[in-house]
């Protein structure tokens, strides 16, 4: 399974972001990338807060569902330690 290179969301065909020409982007999800542009400019903590909103959707695609605390711990290790996170 592929994951969004911005937020870590599991990527399925219906969750692929879109390029400027309307084609599907295989690197980013629809919550991070639309029409060839990133949708947010946030800190790492802000990105984790944003992603937590979709935890129920992510858990439907995961072999073992995560709690919010488990997701926050995993995401803190997954995301680079940047001052600003561009999604």
N, C-alpha and C. Protein backbone atom coordinates (compact mmCIF):
# COMPACT_ATOMS: atom_id res chain seq x y z
N UNK A 1 0.84 -1.18 0.00
CA UNK A 1 0.00 0.00 0.00
C UNK A 1 0.89 1.24 0.00
N UNK A 2 0.48 2.24 -0.78
CA UNK A 2 1.19 3.52 -0.82
C UNK A 2 0.55 4.48 0.18
N UNK A 3 1.36 5.44 0.64
CA UNK A 3 0.89 6.43 1.59
C UNK A 3 1.19 7.83 1.07
N UNK A 4 0.34 8.78 1.44
CA UNK A 4 0.55 10.17 1.07
C UNK A 4 1.91 10.63 1.60
N UNK A 5 2.70 11.24 0.73
CA UNK A 5 4.03 11.69 1.12
C UNK A 5 3.99 12.95 1.97
N UNK A 6 2.80 13.51 2.16
CA UNK A 6 2.66 14.69 2.99
C UNK A 6 2.10 14.35 4.37
N UNK A 7 1.00 13.61 4.41
CA UNK A 7 0.34 13.37 5.70
C UNK A 7 0.37 11.92 6.17
N UNK A 8 0.73 10.97 5.29
CA UNK A 8 0.79 9.57 5.69
C UNK A 8 -0.50 8.80 5.50
N UNK A 9 -1.53 9.44 4.93
CA UNK A 9 -2.81 8.78 4.66
C UNK A 9 -2.59 7.62 3.69
N UNK A 10 -3.16 6.46 3.97
CA UNK A 10 -3.09 5.36 2.99
C UNK A 10 -3.75 5.81 1.69
N UNK A 11 -3.09 5.59 0.57
CA UNK A 11 -3.62 6.04 -0.73
C UNK A 11 -4.37 4.93 -1.45
N UNK A 12 -5.59 5.24 -1.80
CA UNK A 12 -6.39 4.39 -2.67
C UNK A 12 -6.74 5.25 -3.88
N UNK A 13 -7.26 4.64 -4.94
CA UNK A 13 -7.58 5.40 -6.16
C UNK A 13 -8.49 6.59 -5.88
N UNK A 14 -9.48 6.39 -5.00
CA UNK A 14 -10.43 7.48 -4.73
C UNK A 14 -9.84 8.56 -3.83
N UNK A 15 -8.70 8.31 -3.18
CA UNK A 15 -8.09 9.31 -2.30
C UNK A 15 -6.88 10.01 -2.90
N UNK A 16 -6.56 9.71 -4.17
CA UNK A 16 -5.42 10.36 -4.81
C UNK A 16 -5.70 11.83 -5.06
N UNK A 17 -4.70 12.68 -4.78
CA UNK A 17 -4.81 14.09 -5.10
C UNK A 17 -4.80 14.29 -6.61
N UNK A 18 -4.94 15.54 -7.03
CA UNK A 18 -4.99 15.82 -8.47
C UNK A 18 -3.93 16.84 -8.87
N UNK A 19 -3.39 16.64 -10.06
CA UNK A 19 -2.43 17.57 -10.64
C UNK A 19 -3.19 18.73 -11.31
N UNK A 20 -2.44 19.75 -11.74
CA UNK A 20 -3.05 20.93 -12.36
C UNK A 20 -3.87 20.58 -13.59
N UNK A 21 -3.47 19.53 -14.30
CA UNK A 21 -4.19 19.12 -15.52
C UNK A 21 -5.37 18.19 -15.23
N UNK A 22 -5.65 17.96 -13.95
CA UNK A 22 -6.77 17.10 -13.56
C UNK A 22 -6.42 15.64 -13.41
N UNK A 23 -5.22 15.24 -13.80
CA UNK A 23 -4.81 13.84 -13.65
C UNK A 23 -4.55 13.53 -12.18
N UNK A 24 -4.60 12.25 -11.85
CA UNK A 24 -4.38 11.81 -10.48
C UNK A 24 -2.90 11.92 -10.13
N UNK A 25 -2.62 12.32 -8.89
CA UNK A 25 -1.26 12.39 -8.39
C UNK A 25 -1.05 11.20 -7.46
N UNK A 26 -0.07 10.38 -7.72
CA UNK A 26 0.13 9.15 -6.97
C UNK A 26 0.96 9.33 -5.70
N UNK A 27 1.37 10.56 -5.41
CA UNK A 27 2.20 10.81 -4.23
C UNK A 27 1.45 11.44 -3.07
N UNK A 28 0.33 12.14 -3.37
CA UNK A 28 -0.37 12.90 -2.34
C UNK A 28 -1.86 12.60 -2.36
N UNK A 29 -2.49 12.74 -1.19
CA UNK A 29 -3.93 12.49 -1.08
C UNK A 29 -4.74 13.75 -1.39
N UNK A 30 -6.05 13.58 -1.50
CA UNK A 30 -6.95 14.70 -1.82
C UNK A 30 -7.04 15.71 -0.68
N UNK A 31 -6.64 15.33 0.51
CA UNK A 31 -6.69 16.25 1.65
C UNK A 31 -5.46 17.17 1.67
N UNK A 32 -4.41 16.80 0.94
CA UNK A 32 -3.18 17.58 0.93
C UNK A 32 -2.91 18.28 -0.40
N UNK A 33 -3.38 17.71 -1.51
CA UNK A 33 -2.98 18.19 -2.83
C UNK A 33 -4.16 18.17 -3.79
N UNK A 34 -4.49 19.33 -4.35
CA UNK A 34 -5.62 19.44 -5.26
C UNK A 34 -5.29 20.43 -6.37
N UNK A 35 -5.59 20.04 -7.61
CA UNK A 35 -5.37 20.90 -8.77
C UNK A 35 -3.93 21.40 -8.86
N UNK A 36 -2.98 20.53 -8.46
CA UNK A 36 -1.56 20.87 -8.58
C UNK A 36 -1.02 21.76 -7.48
N UNK A 37 -1.79 21.95 -6.42
CA UNK A 37 -1.34 22.82 -5.33
C UNK A 37 -1.54 22.15 -3.97
N UNK A 38 -0.60 22.42 -3.08
CA UNK A 38 -0.75 21.95 -1.70
C UNK A 38 -1.81 22.82 -1.02
N UNK A 39 -2.56 22.22 -0.11
CA UNK A 39 -3.69 22.91 0.50
C UNK A 39 -3.38 23.59 1.82
N UNK A 40 -2.23 23.31 2.43
CA UNK A 40 -1.94 23.88 3.74
C UNK A 40 -0.47 24.23 3.88
N UNK A 41 -0.18 25.13 4.79
CA UNK A 41 1.18 25.48 5.18
C UNK A 41 1.16 25.56 6.70
N UNK A 42 1.61 24.50 7.36
CA UNK A 42 1.47 24.39 8.81
C UNK A 42 2.74 23.85 9.45
N UNK A 43 2.82 23.95 10.77
CA UNK A 43 3.90 23.31 11.51
C UNK A 43 3.67 21.80 11.55
N UNK A 44 4.66 21.07 11.99
CA UNK A 44 4.50 19.62 12.11
C UNK A 44 3.36 19.29 13.06
N UNK A 45 3.27 19.99 14.17
CA UNK A 45 2.20 19.74 15.12
C UNK A 45 0.84 20.05 14.50
N UNK A 46 0.80 21.11 13.70
CA UNK A 46 -0.43 21.47 13.00
C UNK A 46 -0.83 20.40 11.99
N UNK A 47 0.15 19.81 11.32
CA UNK A 47 -0.14 18.75 10.35
C UNK A 47 -0.69 17.53 11.08
N UNK A 48 -0.13 17.20 12.23
CA UNK A 48 -0.63 16.06 13.00
C UNK A 48 -2.07 16.33 13.45
N UNK A 49 -2.32 17.55 13.93
CA UNK A 49 -3.69 17.91 14.33
C UNK A 49 -4.65 17.79 13.16
N UNK A 50 -4.21 18.21 11.98
CA UNK A 50 -5.04 18.11 10.77
C UNK A 50 -5.32 16.64 10.44
N UNK A 51 -4.31 15.82 10.47
CA UNK A 51 -4.44 14.41 10.09
C UNK A 51 -5.31 13.63 11.08
N UNK A 52 -5.25 13.98 12.36
CA UNK A 52 -6.03 13.27 13.38
C UNK A 52 -7.52 13.33 13.06
N UNK A 53 -7.95 14.39 12.38
CA UNK A 53 -9.37 14.52 12.01
C UNK A 53 -9.82 13.38 11.11
N UNK A 54 -8.87 12.76 10.41
CA UNK A 54 -9.20 11.70 9.46
C UNK A 54 -8.82 10.31 9.98
N UNK A 55 -8.57 10.21 11.28
CA UNK A 55 -8.13 8.94 11.87
C UNK A 55 -9.15 7.83 11.65
N UNK A 56 -10.43 8.12 11.78
CA UNK A 56 -11.45 7.08 11.56
C UNK A 56 -11.36 6.54 10.13
N UNK A 57 -11.18 7.43 9.15
CA UNK A 57 -11.05 6.98 7.75
C UNK A 57 -9.79 6.15 7.57
N UNK A 58 -8.68 6.62 8.15
CA UNK A 58 -7.42 5.88 8.03
C UNK A 58 -7.55 4.50 8.67
N UNK A 59 -8.19 4.44 9.84
CA UNK A 59 -8.32 3.16 10.53
C UNK A 59 -9.11 2.13 9.72
N UNK A 60 -10.02 2.57 8.88
CA UNK A 60 -10.79 1.65 8.04
C UNK A 60 -9.90 0.93 7.04
N UNK A 61 -8.75 1.52 6.71
CA UNK A 61 -7.85 0.94 5.72
C UNK A 61 -6.63 0.26 6.35
N UNK A 62 -6.52 0.36 7.67
CA UNK A 62 -5.35 -0.18 8.35
C UNK A 62 -5.64 -1.57 8.90
N UNK A 63 -4.64 -2.45 8.92
CA UNK A 63 -4.85 -3.79 9.47
C UNK A 63 -5.14 -3.76 10.97
N UNK A 64 -4.54 -2.80 11.68
CA UNK A 64 -4.79 -2.65 13.12
C UNK A 64 -5.09 -1.18 13.39
N UNK A 65 -6.32 -0.87 13.80
CA UNK A 65 -6.69 0.52 14.08
C UNK A 65 -5.80 1.12 15.17
N UNK A 66 -5.58 2.44 15.08
CA UNK A 66 -4.78 3.16 16.06
C UNK A 66 -5.66 4.09 16.88
N UNK A 67 -5.26 4.29 18.11
CA UNK A 67 -5.90 5.32 18.93
C UNK A 67 -5.29 6.66 18.53
N UNK A 68 -5.90 7.74 18.97
CA UNK A 68 -5.35 9.06 18.66
C UNK A 68 -3.94 9.21 19.23
N UNK A 69 -3.72 8.72 20.45
CA UNK A 69 -2.39 8.81 21.07
C UNK A 69 -1.36 8.02 20.27
N UNK A 70 -1.74 6.81 19.81
CA UNK A 70 -0.82 5.99 19.00
C UNK A 70 -0.51 6.70 17.69
N UNK A 71 -1.54 7.30 17.07
CA UNK A 71 -1.32 8.01 15.80
C UNK A 71 -0.37 9.20 16.01
N UNK A 72 -0.61 9.98 17.07
CA UNK A 72 0.25 11.14 17.33
C UNK A 72 1.70 10.71 17.54
N UNK A 73 1.92 9.62 18.25
CA UNK A 73 3.28 9.13 18.48
C UNK A 73 3.92 8.67 17.16
N UNK A 74 3.15 7.91 16.36
CA UNK A 74 3.66 7.44 15.07
C UNK A 74 3.95 8.61 14.15
N UNK A 75 3.03 9.58 14.09
CA UNK A 75 3.20 10.72 13.18
C UNK A 75 4.38 11.57 13.59
N UNK A 76 4.62 11.73 14.88
CA UNK A 76 5.77 12.52 15.34
C UNK A 76 7.07 11.90 14.88
N UNK A 77 7.12 10.58 14.80
CA UNK A 77 8.31 9.90 14.32
C UNK A 77 8.38 9.90 12.79
N UNK A 78 7.21 9.89 12.13
CA UNK A 78 7.14 9.80 10.67
C UNK A 78 7.48 11.12 9.99
N UNK A 79 6.92 12.22 10.49
CA UNK A 79 7.13 13.52 9.85
C UNK A 79 8.52 14.04 10.17
N UNK A 80 9.17 14.65 9.19
CA UNK A 80 10.49 15.26 9.47
C UNK A 80 10.34 16.37 10.52
N UNK A 81 11.38 16.63 11.23
CA UNK A 81 11.36 17.67 12.27
C UNK A 81 11.65 19.03 11.63
N UNK A 82 10.67 19.57 10.92
CA UNK A 82 10.80 20.85 10.27
C UNK A 82 10.08 21.93 11.06
N UNK A 83 10.53 23.18 10.92
CA UNK A 83 9.84 24.29 11.57
C UNK A 83 8.50 24.54 10.89
N UNK A 84 8.45 24.39 9.59
CA UNK A 84 7.21 24.55 8.83
C UNK A 84 7.03 23.31 8.00
N UNK A 85 5.79 22.85 7.87
CA UNK A 85 5.49 21.66 7.10
C UNK A 85 4.62 22.09 5.94
N UNK A 86 5.09 21.88 4.75
CA UNK A 86 4.34 22.27 3.56
C UNK A 86 3.59 21.07 3.05
N UNK A 87 2.26 21.15 3.03
CA UNK A 87 1.45 20.06 2.50
C UNK A 87 0.77 20.48 1.24
